Amino acid sequence: MQQYNIHTAKTHFSALVEKAANGEAFIIAKADKPMVKVIPYVSHKTAKKRIGFLKDQLTIPEDFDQMGQNEITKIFEA
């Protein structure tokens, strides 16, 4: 990951913003000490929706909320 000092980041701010917008994260440092990580912004409106991506690929048992209840009860009774 690229690292830029503050002076370079100020001088090339527009280019670095474009770089981040295109998916390239980078670090801004002060006296060679990393200070911040700049990552691309992903809007919730443009983010891919993942709800339902496993539809018809798995099933949830009817007793899902009761699974392992006997084992858990034994652990806490001991």
N, C-alpha and C. Protein backbone atom coordinates (compact mmCIF):
# COMPACT_ATOMS: atom_id res chain seq x y z
N MET A 1 0.85 -1.17 0.00
CA MET A 1 0.00 0.00 0.00
C MET A 1 0.90 1.24 0.00
N GLN A 2 0.60 2.16 -0.86
CA GLN A 2 1.38 3.39 -0.99
C GLN A 2 1.24 4.24 0.27
N GLN A 3 2.31 4.93 0.60
CA GLN A 3 2.30 5.86 1.73
C GLN A 3 2.83 7.21 1.24
N TYR A 4 2.13 8.29 1.61
CA TYR A 4 2.51 9.64 1.21
C TYR A 4 2.64 10.49 2.46
N ASN A 5 3.63 11.38 2.47
CA ASN A 5 3.72 12.30 3.60
C ASN A 5 2.70 13.42 3.40
N ILE A 6 2.44 14.16 4.44
CA ILE A 6 1.40 15.18 4.41
C ILE A 6 1.67 16.22 3.33
N HIS A 7 2.90 16.64 3.19
CA HIS A 7 3.23 17.66 2.17
C HIS A 7 2.90 17.15 0.77
N THR A 8 3.29 15.93 0.46
CA THR A 8 2.99 15.35 -0.85
C THR A 8 1.48 15.20 -1.03
N ALA A 9 0.78 14.78 0.02
CA ALA A 9 -0.67 14.61 -0.06
C ALA A 9 -1.35 15.94 -0.33
N LYS A 10 -0.88 17.02 0.30
CA LYS A 10 -1.47 18.34 0.05
C LYS A 10 -1.18 18.80 -1.37
N THR A 11 0.04 18.56 -1.83
CA THR A 11 0.44 18.99 -3.16
C THR A 11 -0.33 18.26 -4.26
N HIS A 12 -0.58 16.96 -4.05
CA HIS A 12 -1.21 16.12 -5.07
C HIS A 12 -2.60 15.64 -4.62
N PHE A 13 -3.29 16.50 -3.87
CA PHE A 13 -4.57 16.11 -3.27
C PHE A 13 -5.58 15.60 -4.30
N SER A 14 -5.78 16.32 -5.38
CA SER A 14 -6.78 15.93 -6.38
C SER A 14 -6.46 14.57 -6.99
N ALA A 15 -5.20 14.35 -7.32
CA ALA A 15 -4.80 13.07 -7.91
C ALA A 15 -4.99 11.93 -6.92
N LEU A 16 -4.69 12.18 -5.65
CA LEU A 16 -4.85 11.14 -4.64
C LEU A 16 -6.32 10.83 -4.38
N VAL A 17 -7.16 11.86 -4.44
CA VAL A 17 -8.60 11.62 -4.29
C VAL A 17 -9.10 10.74 -5.44
N GLU A 18 -8.65 11.02 -6.64
CA GLU A 18 -9.04 10.20 -7.80
C GLU A 18 -8.55 8.76 -7.62
N LYS A 19 -7.35 8.62 -7.12
CA LYS A 19 -6.78 7.29 -6.90
C LYS A 19 -7.66 6.50 -5.92
N ALA A 20 -8.05 7.14 -4.82
CA ALA A 20 -8.91 6.48 -3.83
C ALA A 20 -10.28 6.17 -4.43
N ALA A 21 -10.83 7.10 -5.19
CA ALA A 21 -12.14 6.89 -5.81
C ALA A 21 -12.12 5.71 -6.77
N ASN A 22 -10.96 5.44 -7.35
CA ASN A 22 -10.83 4.31 -8.27
C ASN A 22 -10.49 3.00 -7.56
N GLY A 23 -10.56 3.00 -6.23
CA GLY A 23 -10.39 1.77 -5.47
C GLY A 23 -9.03 1.54 -4.86
N GLU A 24 -8.11 2.46 -5.02
CA GLU A 24 -6.77 2.29 -4.45
C GLU A 24 -6.67 2.99 -3.10
N ALA A 25 -6.56 2.22 -2.05
CA ALA A 25 -6.38 2.79 -0.71
C ALA A 25 -4.92 3.21 -0.55
N PHE A 26 -4.67 4.19 0.30
CA PHE A 26 -3.31 4.62 0.59
C PHE A 26 -3.24 5.21 1.99
N ILE A 27 -2.03 5.43 2.46
CA ILE A 27 -1.80 5.93 3.81
C ILE A 27 -1.15 7.31 3.73
N ILE A 28 -1.60 8.21 4.61
CA ILE A 28 -0.96 9.52 4.75
C ILE A 28 -0.18 9.49 6.07
N ALA A 29 1.10 9.87 5.97
CA ALA A 29 1.98 9.79 7.14
C ALA A 29 2.53 11.17 7.49
N LYS A 30 2.95 11.28 8.74
CA LYS A 30 3.61 12.50 9.22
C LYS A 30 4.94 12.05 9.82
N ALA A 31 6.03 12.56 9.27
CA ALA A 31 7.37 12.16 9.71
C ALA A 31 7.54 10.64 9.62
N ASP A 32 7.06 10.07 8.52
CA ASP A 32 7.12 8.63 8.26
C ASP A 32 6.33 7.78 9.23
N LYS A 33 5.48 8.40 10.03
CA LYS A 33 4.61 7.66 10.95
C LYS A 33 3.20 7.66 10.34
N PRO A 34 2.66 6.49 10.01
CA PRO A 34 1.31 6.43 9.42
C PRO A 34 0.29 7.10 10.33
N MET A 35 -0.52 7.98 9.73
CA MET A 35 -1.52 8.71 10.51
C MET A 35 -2.95 8.29 10.14
N VAL A 36 -3.23 8.21 8.83
CA VAL A 36 -4.58 7.86 8.38
C VAL A 36 -4.49 6.95 7.17
N LYS A 37 -5.53 6.15 7.01
CA LYS A 37 -5.67 5.32 5.82
C LYS A 37 -6.85 5.88 5.03
N VAL A 38 -6.63 6.16 3.76
CA VAL A 38 -7.67 6.70 2.89
C VAL A 38 -8.19 5.55 2.03
N ILE A 39 -9.49 5.32 2.10
CA ILE A 39 -10.12 4.25 1.34
C ILE A 39 -11.26 4.82 0.52
N PRO A 40 -11.68 4.15 -0.54
CA PRO A 40 -12.78 4.67 -1.35
C PRO A 40 -14.09 4.64 -0.57
N TYR A 41 -14.91 5.63 -0.81
CA TYR A 41 -16.24 5.71 -0.19
C TYR A 41 -17.21 4.87 -1.02
N VAL A 42 -17.99 4.04 -0.35
CA VAL A 42 -18.99 3.23 -1.03
C VAL A 42 -20.35 3.65 -0.50
N SER A 43 -21.14 4.24 -1.36
CA SER A 43 -22.48 4.67 -0.97
C SER A 43 -23.39 3.47 -0.81
N HIS A 44 -24.28 3.54 0.17
CA HIS A 44 -25.24 2.45 0.34
C HIS A 44 -26.16 2.34 -0.86
N LYS A 45 -26.36 3.44 -1.56
CA LYS A 45 -27.22 3.42 -2.73
C LYS A 45 -26.58 2.68 -3.90
N THR A 46 -25.26 2.77 -4.01
CA THR A 46 -24.57 2.13 -5.13
C THR A 46 -24.01 0.76 -4.76
N ALA A 47 -24.02 0.42 -3.48
CA ALA A 47 -23.49 -0.87 -3.05
C ALA A 47 -24.41 -1.99 -3.55
N LYS A 48 -23.79 -3.11 -3.87
CA LYS A 48 -24.56 -4.25 -4.34
C LYS A 48 -25.42 -4.79 -3.20
N LYS A 49 -26.64 -5.09 -3.50
CA LYS A 49 -27.54 -5.66 -2.51
C LYS A 49 -27.28 -7.16 -2.43
N ARG A 50 -27.10 -7.65 -1.22
CA ARG A 50 -26.77 -9.05 -1.04
C ARG A 50 -27.91 -9.84 -0.39
N ILE A 51 -28.99 -9.17 -0.07
CA ILE A 51 -30.10 -9.86 0.57
C ILE A 51 -30.64 -10.90 -0.40
N GLY A 52 -30.77 -12.11 0.09
CA GLY A 52 -31.32 -13.18 -0.73
C GLY A 52 -30.32 -13.86 -1.64
N PHE A 53 -29.02 -13.60 -1.48
CA PHE A 53 -28.05 -14.17 -2.39
C PHE A 53 -27.90 -15.69 -2.23
N LEU A 54 -28.36 -16.26 -1.12
CA LEU A 54 -28.32 -17.71 -0.93
C LEU A 54 -29.70 -18.35 -1.03
N LYS A 55 -30.63 -17.63 -1.60
CA LYS A 55 -31.99 -18.16 -1.73
C LYS A 55 -31.96 -19.49 -2.47
N ASP A 56 -32.69 -20.46 -1.95
CA ASP A 56 -32.80 -21.81 -2.51
C ASP A 56 -31.50 -22.61 -2.43
N GLN A 57 -30.50 -22.12 -1.70
CA GLN A 57 -29.25 -22.86 -1.58
C GLN A 57 -29.06 -23.49 -0.21
N LEU A 58 -29.82 -23.04 0.78
CA LEU A 58 -29.76 -23.66 2.09
C LEU A 58 -31.11 -23.55 2.77
N THR A 59 -31.28 -24.40 3.76
CA THR A 59 -32.54 -24.40 4.50
C THR A 59 -32.24 -24.25 5.99
N ILE A 60 -33.17 -23.65 6.69
CA ILE A 60 -33.04 -23.47 8.14
C ILE A 60 -34.05 -24.40 8.80
N PRO A 61 -33.59 -25.26 9.71
CA PRO A 61 -34.50 -26.20 10.36
C PRO A 61 -35.58 -25.49 11.16
N GLU A 62 -36.72 -26.12 11.26
CA GLU A 62 -37.84 -25.54 12.01
C GLU A 62 -37.48 -25.31 13.48
N ASP A 63 -36.64 -26.19 14.04
CA ASP A 63 -36.28 -26.07 15.46
C ASP A 63 -34.97 -25.31 15.66
N PHE A 64 -34.65 -24.40 14.75
CA PHE A 64 -33.39 -23.65 14.80
C PHE A 64 -33.18 -22.96 16.15
N ASP A 65 -34.23 -22.37 16.70
CA ASP A 65 -34.08 -21.64 17.97
C ASP A 65 -33.96 -22.57 19.17
N GLN A 66 -34.15 -23.87 18.97
CA GLN A 66 -34.04 -24.84 20.06
C GLN A 66 -32.79 -25.72 19.92
N MET A 67 -32.05 -25.56 18.85
CA MET A 67 -30.89 -26.43 18.59
C MET A 67 -29.85 -26.29 19.69
N GLY A 68 -29.40 -27.45 20.21
CA GLY A 68 -28.37 -27.46 21.24
C GLY A 68 -28.86 -27.08 22.63
N GLN A 69 -30.17 -26.96 22.78
CA GLN A 69 -30.71 -26.52 24.07
C GLN A 69 -30.36 -27.48 25.19
N ASN A 70 -30.43 -28.78 24.93
CA ASN A 70 -30.12 -29.76 25.99
C ASN A 70 -28.66 -29.66 26.41
N GLU A 71 -27.74 -29.51 25.46
CA GLU A 71 -26.33 -29.41 25.79
C GLU A 71 -26.05 -28.12 26.58
N ILE A 72 -26.66 -27.04 26.18
CA ILE A 72 -26.47 -25.75 26.87
C ILE A 72 -27.01 -25.83 28.29
N THR A 73 -28.16 -26.45 28.46
CA THR A 73 -28.75 -26.60 29.79
C THR A 73 -27.82 -27.42 30.68
N LYS A 74 -27.26 -28.51 30.14
CA LYS A 74 -26.33 -29.34 30.93
C LYS A 74 -25.10 -28.56 31.35
N ILE A 75 -24.58 -27.72 30.46
CA ILE A 75 -23.39 -26.93 30.78
C ILE A 75 -23.66 -25.98 31.95
N PHE A 76 -24.82 -25.31 31.93
CA PHE A 76 -25.11 -24.35 32.96
C PHE A 76 -25.60 -24.96 34.26
N GLU A 77 -26.06 -26.21 34.20
CA GLU A 77 -26.49 -26.89 35.43
C GLU A 77 -25.29 -27.46 36.17
N ALA A 78 -24.20 -27.69 35.47
CA ALA A 78 -23.03 -28.32 36.10
C ALA A 78 -22.31 -27.40 37.05
